[in-house]
Amino acid sequence: KVAVILVNYNNPSDTKKSIFSVKKVSPKNCLVKIFVVNNGCTDGESNLLSEDCPEIILINSQRNLGFGAGNNLAAKEAIRLGFEYLLFLNNDAIIVSEDFFNKLLASPYNITSPMLESQINGERVLDYGGKVDWLFGRNTHLSTPKKADYYSGACLFMKSEVFKAVSGFDEKYFLYYEDVDFCLRAA
C-alpha cells in the first residue's frame, strides 16, 4: 500500500496533471492512493479537486501550514489507514517512467528518490539528491549519480516506519530545507 502525498496551494491545474501522471503509472499489483492537502487554498477551484478526481483523499487545511506540516498532515492520515510506503511528490511534478513504482518498491533503501529532471532557464537540469557542505552550512544538488546526503522533497519515497521513527518533517521549516533536515535525521 503506497500513499502518494501532494500539497496543493492554489494550483489545482498542476495538481490535476500530477494526479493523472500518478494514475497512469500506478501498477496493478499494489494499492496506490493519492492524498491531496489543500494547504490554506483561497482560489475556489482547489476545493473542486475531489469532484474532478473522486479517487483522491482530499484534506483541507484552513491555513497554509507550509510544505513540511502539510505533508505531515497527510502522512499521519495515510499511516493511520495502514499505508506501508509514503511518496511525497510536488504537486507540479509529472511522473513519466512506466515502471516508476516498481523501481521504488524494489529499492533496498528505507528512503530513496528517482533522478529528477527539470528545466531552468531553458536548460535541462538533473538532480540526483544533494550534499551538505558542513563547513559553510550550504547544500548543493548532485547533477550526476553519487552518494547523496539527502534527497529532494519534490519526490521522496520511504517506508512509513521511517517517517514515524523521525516524527515526520520538522514543522519549523515552512518551505525549503525540511527535506534535507528529514534525511539527515533519518540517516
C-alpha atoms as a PDB file:
ATOM      1  CA  LYS A   1       0.000   0.000   0.000  1.00  0.00           C
ATOM      2  CA  VAL A   2       1.560   3.257  -1.226  1.00  0.00           C
ATOM      3  CA  ALA A   3       0.254   6.683  -0.223  1.00  0.00           C
ATOM      4  CA  VAL A   4       1.168   9.446  -2.673  1.00  0.00           C
ATOM      5  CA  ILE A   5       1.061  12.822  -0.933  1.00  0.00           C
ATOM      6  CA  LEU A   6       0.726  16.131  -2.754  1.00  0.00           C
ATOM      7  CA  VAL A   7       0.433  19.557  -1.121  1.00  0.00           C
ATOM      8  CA  ASN A   8      -1.631  21.997  -3.162  1.00  0.00           C
ATOM      9  CA  TYR A   9      -1.508  25.732  -2.630  1.00  0.00           C
ATOM     10  CA  ASN A  10      -3.815  27.498  -5.097  1.00  0.00           C
ATOM     11  CA  ASN A  11      -2.541  25.435  -8.027  1.00  0.00           C
ATOM     12  CA  PRO A  12      -5.247  22.889  -8.921  1.00  0.00           C
ATOM     13  CA  SER A  13      -4.287  22.783 -12.609  1.00  0.00           C
ATOM     14  CA  ASP A  14      -0.774  21.450 -11.955  1.00  0.00           C
ATOM     15  CA  THR A  15      -2.066  19.258  -9.134  1.00  0.00           C
ATOM     16  CA  LYS A  16      -4.501  17.547 -11.515  1.00  0.00           C
ATOM     17  CA  LYS A  17      -1.698  16.903 -14.033  1.00  0.00           C
ATOM     18  CA  SER A  18       0.377  15.338 -11.274  1.00  0.00           C
ATOM     19  CA  ILE A  19      -2.564  13.181 -10.118  1.00  0.00           C
ATOM     20  CA  PHE A  20      -3.177  11.948 -13.666  1.00  0.00           C
ATOM     21  CA  SER A  21       0.517  11.084 -14.105  1.00  0.00           C
ATOM     22  CA  VAL A  22       0.441   9.029 -10.889  1.00  0.00           C
ATOM     23  CA  LYS A  23      -2.687   7.203 -12.015  1.00  0.00           C
ATOM     24  CA  LYS A  24      -1.151   6.476 -15.424  1.00  0.00           C
ATOM     25  CA  VAL A  25       1.890   4.658 -13.993  1.00  0.00           C
ATOM     26  CA  SER A  26       0.314   3.035 -10.914  1.00  0.00           C
ATOM     27  CA  PRO A  27       0.954  -0.723 -11.030  1.00  0.00           C
ATOM     28  CA  LYS A  28      -1.900  -3.196 -10.789  1.00  0.00           C
ATOM     29  CA  ASN A  29      -0.089  -5.307  -8.180  1.00  0.00           C
ATOM     30  CA  CYS A  30      -0.341  -2.772  -5.330  1.00  0.00           C
ATOM     31  CA  LEU A  31      -2.742  -0.213  -3.922  1.00  0.00           C
ATOM     32  CA  VAL A  32      -1.705   3.359  -4.730  1.00  0.00           C
ATOM     33  CA  LYS A  33      -3.853   6.043  -3.102  1.00  0.00           C
ATOM     34  CA  ILE A  34      -3.388   9.772  -3.663  1.00  0.00           C
ATOM     35  CA  PHE A  35      -3.741  12.174  -0.732  1.00  0.00           C
ATOM     36  CA  VAL A  36      -4.008  15.877  -1.579  1.00  0.00           C
ATOM     37  CA  VAL A  37      -3.679  18.571   1.064  1.00  0.00           C
ATOM     38  CA  ASN A  38      -5.364  21.845   0.158  1.00  0.00           C
ATOM     39  CA  ASN A  39      -2.980  23.984   2.155  1.00  0.00           C
ATOM     40  CA  GLY A  40      -4.954  27.132   3.011  1.00  0.00           C
ATOM     41  CA  CYS A  41      -6.196  27.475  -0.581  1.00  0.00           C
ATOM     42  CA  THR A  42      -8.194  30.593  -1.390  1.00  0.00           C
ATOM     43  CA  ASP A  43      -8.623  30.164  -5.165  1.00  0.00           C
ATOM     44  CA  GLY A  44     -12.011  28.388  -5.056  1.00  0.00           C
ATOM     45  CA  GLU A  45     -11.008  25.836  -7.715  1.00  0.00           C
ATOM     46  CA  SER A  46      -8.857  23.799  -5.351  1.00  0.00           C
ATOM     47  CA  ASN A  47     -11.929  22.740  -3.382  1.00  0.00           C
ATOM     48  CA  LEU A  48     -13.251  21.128  -6.583  1.00  0.00           C
ATOM     49  CA  LEU A  49     -10.296  18.739  -6.932  1.00  0.00           C
ATOM     50  CA  SER A  50     -12.254  15.855  -5.431  1.00  0.00           C
ATOM     51  CA  GLU A  51     -15.039  16.418  -7.999  1.00  0.00           C
ATOM     52  CA  ASP A  52     -12.553  16.211 -10.885  1.00  0.00           C
ATOM     53  CA  CYS A  53     -10.579  13.392  -9.220  1.00  0.00           C
ATOM     54  CA  PRO A  54     -13.032  11.474  -6.988  1.00  0.00           C
ATOM     55  CA  GLU A  55     -10.481   8.749  -6.229  1.00  0.00           C
ATOM     56  CA  ILE A  56      -8.266  11.060  -4.160  1.00  0.00           C
ATOM     57  CA  ILE A  57      -8.428  11.653  -0.431  1.00  0.00           C
ATOM     58  CA  LEU A  58      -8.698  15.430  -0.062  1.00  0.00           C
ATOM     59  CA  ILE A  59      -7.598  17.013   3.201  1.00  0.00           C
ATOM     60  CA  ASN A  60      -8.446  20.675   3.682  1.00  0.00           C
ATOM     61  CA  SER A  61      -6.379  22.895   5.934  1.00  0.00           C
ATOM     62  CA  GLN A  62      -7.894  26.270   6.753  1.00  0.00           C
ATOM     63  CA  ARG A  63      -4.466  27.909   6.679  1.00  0.00           C
ATOM     64  CA  ASN A  64      -1.227  27.422   4.776  1.00  0.00           C
ATOM     65  CA  LEU A  65       0.801  25.153   7.030  1.00  0.00           C
ATOM     66  CA  GLY A  66       3.882  25.149   4.815  1.00  0.00           C
ATOM     67  CA  PHE A  67       5.418  22.225   2.950  1.00  0.00           C
ATOM     68  CA  GLY A  68       6.561  20.121   5.902  1.00  0.00           C
ATOM     69  CA  ALA A  69       3.447  20.484   8.045  1.00  0.00           C
ATOM     70  CA  GLY A  70       1.168  19.998   5.041  1.00  0.00           C
ATOM     71  CA  ASN A  71       2.928  16.753   4.195  1.00  0.00           C
ATOM     72  CA  ASN A  72       2.843  15.664   7.840  1.00  0.00           C
ATOM     73  CA  LEU A  73      -0.912  16.156   7.933  1.00  0.00           C
ATOM     74  CA  ALA A  74      -1.499  13.722   5.050  1.00  0.00           C
ATOM     75  CA  ALA A  75       1.247  11.284   6.095  1.00  0.00           C
ATOM     76  CA  LYS A  76      -0.263  10.835   9.545  1.00  0.00           C
ATOM     77  CA  GLU A  77      -3.641  10.046   7.963  1.00  0.00           C
ATOM     78  CA  ALA A  78      -2.055   7.605   5.490  1.00  0.00           C
ATOM     79  CA  ILE A  79      -0.219   5.816   8.300  1.00  0.00           C
ATOM     80  CA  ARG A  80      -3.423   5.685  10.345  1.00  0.00           C
ATOM     81  CA  LEU A  81      -5.068   3.990   7.354  1.00  0.00           C
ATOM     82  CA  GLY A  82      -2.287   1.381   7.204  1.00  0.00           C
ATOM     83  CA  PHE A  83      -0.192   2.532   4.246  1.00  0.00           C
ATOM     84  CA  GLU A  84       3.261   0.909   4.302  1.00  0.00           C
ATOM     85  CA  TYR A  85       5.003   3.380   1.993  1.00  0.00           C
ATOM     86  CA  LEU A  86       4.852   7.142   1.539  1.00  0.00           C
ATOM     87  CA  LEU A  87       5.707   9.036  -1.629  1.00  0.00           C
ATOM     88  CA  PHE A  88       5.966  12.790  -1.150  1.00  0.00           C
ATOM     89  CA  LEU A  89       5.541  14.414  -4.548  1.00  0.00           C
ATOM     90  CA  ASN A  90       5.498  18.076  -5.525  1.00  0.00           C
ATOM     91  CA  ASN A  91       2.120  18.961  -6.941  1.00  0.00           C
ATOM     92  CA  ASP A  92       3.749  20.191 -10.165  1.00  0.00           C
ATOM     93  CA  ALA A  93       5.773  17.000 -10.684  1.00  0.00           C
ATOM     94  CA  ILE A  94       4.932  14.687 -13.565  1.00  0.00           C
ATOM     95  CA  ILE A  95       5.914  11.020 -13.477  1.00  0.00           C
ATOM     96  CA  VAL A  96       6.934   9.710 -16.881  1.00  0.00           C
ATOM     97  CA  SER A  97       8.510   6.318 -16.174  1.00  0.00           C
ATOM     98  CA  GLU A  98       6.107   3.395 -16.645  1.00  0.00           C
ATOM     99  CA  ASP A  99       7.999   1.291 -14.069  1.00  0.00           C
ATOM    100  CA  PHE A 100       8.339   4.159 -11.566  1.00  0.00           C
ATOM    101  CA  PHE A 101       6.601   2.444  -8.636  1.00  0.00           C
ATOM    102  CA  ASN A 102       8.139  -0.972  -9.285  1.00  0.00           C
ATOM    103  CA  LYS A 103      11.636   0.543  -9.176  1.00  0.00           C
ATOM    104  CA  LEU A 104      10.925   2.438  -5.951  1.00  0.00           C
ATOM    105  CA  LEU A 105       9.387  -0.622  -4.300  1.00  0.00           C
ATOM    106  CA  ALA A 106      12.377  -2.752  -5.332  1.00  0.00           C
ATOM    107  CA  SER A 107      14.843  -0.354  -3.679  1.00  0.00           C
ATOM    108  CA  PRO A 108      16.736  -1.899  -0.744  1.00  0.00           C
ATOM    109  CA  TYR A 109      16.872   1.501   0.989  1.00  0.00           C
ATOM    110  CA  ASN A 110      14.471   2.932   3.570  1.00  0.00           C
ATOM    111  CA  ILE A 111      14.479   6.318   1.799  1.00  0.00           C
ATOM    112  CA  THR A 112      15.039   6.817  -1.904  1.00  0.00           C
ATOM    113  CA  SER A 113      14.275   9.077  -4.813  1.00  0.00           C
ATOM    114  CA  PRO A 114      14.458   8.796  -8.578  1.00  0.00           C
ATOM    115  CA  MET A 115      16.553  11.098 -10.710  1.00  0.00           C
ATOM    116  CA  LEU A 116      14.617  14.350 -11.099  1.00  0.00           C
ATOM    117  CA  GLU A 117      14.656  16.358 -14.299  1.00  0.00           C
ATOM    118  CA  SER A 118      13.621  19.984 -14.639  1.00  0.00           C
ATOM    119  CA  GLN A 119      14.069  22.935 -16.959  1.00  0.00           C
ATOM    120  CA  ILE A 120      15.800  26.021 -15.602  1.00  0.00           C
ATOM    121  CA  ASN A 121      16.248  28.947 -17.980  1.00  0.00           C
ATOM    122  CA  GLY A 122      15.643  26.583 -20.889  1.00  0.00           C
ATOM    123  CA  GLU A 123      18.352  24.153 -19.800  1.00  0.00           C
ATOM    124  CA  ARG A 124      17.815  20.536 -18.759  1.00  0.00           C
ATOM    125  CA  VAL A 125      18.873  20.074 -15.128  1.00  0.00           C
ATOM    126  CA  LEU A 126      19.241  16.669 -13.455  1.00  0.00           C
ATOM    127  CA  ASP A 127      19.014  16.162  -9.709  1.00  0.00           C
ATOM    128  CA  TYR A 128      20.318  13.010  -8.007  1.00  0.00           C
ATOM    129  CA  GLY A 129      19.938  14.269  -4.455  1.00  0.00           C
ATOM    130  CA  GLY A 130      22.307  16.537  -2.639  1.00  0.00           C
ATOM    131  CA  LYS A 131      25.333  17.014  -0.447  1.00  0.00           C
ATOM    132  CA  VAL A 132      25.683  19.162   2.636  1.00  0.00           C
ATOM    133  CA  ASP A 133      28.736  21.404   2.976  1.00  0.00           C
ATOM    134  CA  TRP A 134      29.184  21.260   6.747  1.00  0.00           C
ATOM    135  CA  LEU A 135      31.934  23.888   6.733  1.00  0.00           C
ATOM    136  CA  PHE A 136      29.830  26.643   5.126  1.00  0.00           C
ATOM    137  CA  GLY A 137      26.345  25.375   6.044  1.00  0.00           C
ATOM    138  CA  ARG A 138      25.155  25.081   2.476  1.00  0.00           C
ATOM    139  CA  ASN A 139      23.752  22.357   0.322  1.00  0.00           C
ATOM    140  CA  THR A 140      24.215  21.549  -3.350  1.00  0.00           C
ATOM    141  CA  HIS A 141      22.265  19.323  -5.687  1.00  0.00           C
ATOM    142  CA  LEU A 142      24.097  16.496  -7.437  1.00  0.00           C
ATOM    143  CA  SER A 143      23.902  16.555 -11.227  1.00  0.00           C
ATOM    144  CA  THR A 144      25.478  13.097 -11.578  1.00  0.00           C
ATOM    145  CA  PRO A 145      24.853   9.886  -9.606  1.00  0.00           C
ATOM    146  CA  LYS A 146      26.884   9.927  -6.369  1.00  0.00           C
ATOM    147  CA  LYS A 147      26.303   9.120  -2.730  1.00  0.00           C
ATOM    148  CA  ALA A 148      23.814  11.719  -1.507  1.00  0.00           C
ATOM    149  CA  ASP A 149      23.328  13.145   1.983  1.00  0.00           C
ATOM    150  CA  TYR A 150      19.669  13.884   1.244  1.00  0.00           C
ATOM    151  CA  TYR A 151      17.013  13.674  -1.455  1.00  0.00           C
ATOM    152  CA  SER A 152      14.680  16.385  -2.629  1.00  0.00           C
ATOM    153  CA  GLY A 153      11.199  16.579  -1.167  1.00  0.00           C
ATOM    154  CA  ALA A 154       9.997  17.057  -4.753  1.00  0.00           C
ATOM    155  CA  CYS A 155       9.896  13.252  -4.977  1.00  0.00           C
ATOM    156  CA  LEU A 156      10.798  11.435  -1.771  1.00  0.00           C
ATOM    157  CA  PHE A 157       9.874   7.772  -1.199  1.00  0.00           C
ATOM    158  CA  MET A 158      10.136   5.968   2.131  1.00  0.00           C
ATOM    159  CA  LYS A 159       8.770   3.283   4.371  1.00  0.00           C
ATOM    160  CA  SER A 160       6.131   4.607   6.757  1.00  0.00           C
ATOM    161  CA  GLU A 161       8.116   3.264   9.708  1.00  0.00           C
ATOM    162  CA  VAL A 162      10.981   5.631   8.827  1.00  0.00           C
ATOM    163  CA  PHE A 163       8.619   8.601   8.803  1.00  0.00           C
ATOM    164  CA  LYS A 164       7.278   7.592  12.218  1.00  0.00           C
ATOM    165  CA  ALA A 165      10.763   6.955  13.639  1.00  0.00           C
ATOM    166  CA  VAL A 166      11.889  10.538  12.948  1.00  0.00           C
ATOM    167  CA  SER A 167       8.462  12.084  13.733  1.00  0.00           C
ATOM    168  CA  GLY A 168       7.964  13.454  10.226  1.00  0.00           C
ATOM    169  CA  PHE A 169       9.162  16.729   8.776  1.00  0.00           C
ATOM    170  CA  ASP A 170      10.261  19.415  11.221  1.00  0.00           C
ATOM    171  CA  GLU A 171       7.476  21.991  11.003  1.00  0.00           C
ATOM    172  CA  LYS A 172       9.816  24.840  11.950  1.00  0.00           C
ATOM    173  CA  TYR A 173      10.836  24.788   8.277  1.00  0.00           C
ATOM    174  CA  PHE A 174       7.959  26.415   6.423  1.00  0.00           C
ATOM    175  CA  LEU A 175       9.367  25.937   2.929  1.00  0.00           C
ATOM    176  CA  TYR A 176      12.755  24.531   1.885  1.00  0.00           C
ATOM    177  CA  TYR A 177      15.319  22.511   3.831  1.00  0.00           C
ATOM    178  CA  GLU A 178      12.715  20.330   5.578  1.00  0.00           C
ATOM    179  CA  ASP A 179      13.723  17.522   3.184  1.00  0.00           C
ATOM    180  CA  VAL A 180      17.424  17.974   3.978  1.00  0.00           C
ATOM    181  CA  ASP A 181      16.723  18.010   7.711  1.00  0.00           C
ATOM    182  CA  PHE A 182      14.466  14.931   7.459  1.00  0.00           C
ATOM    183  CA  CYS A 183      17.008  12.841   5.557  1.00  0.00           C
ATOM    184  CA  LEU A 184      19.853  13.831   7.883  1.00  0.00           C
ATOM    185  CA  ARG A 185      17.789  12.892  10.959  1.00  0.00           C
ATOM    186  CA  ALA A 186      16.784   9.586   9.386  1.00  0.00           C
ATOM    187  CA  ALA A 187      20.355   8.611   8.457  1.00  0.00           C
END
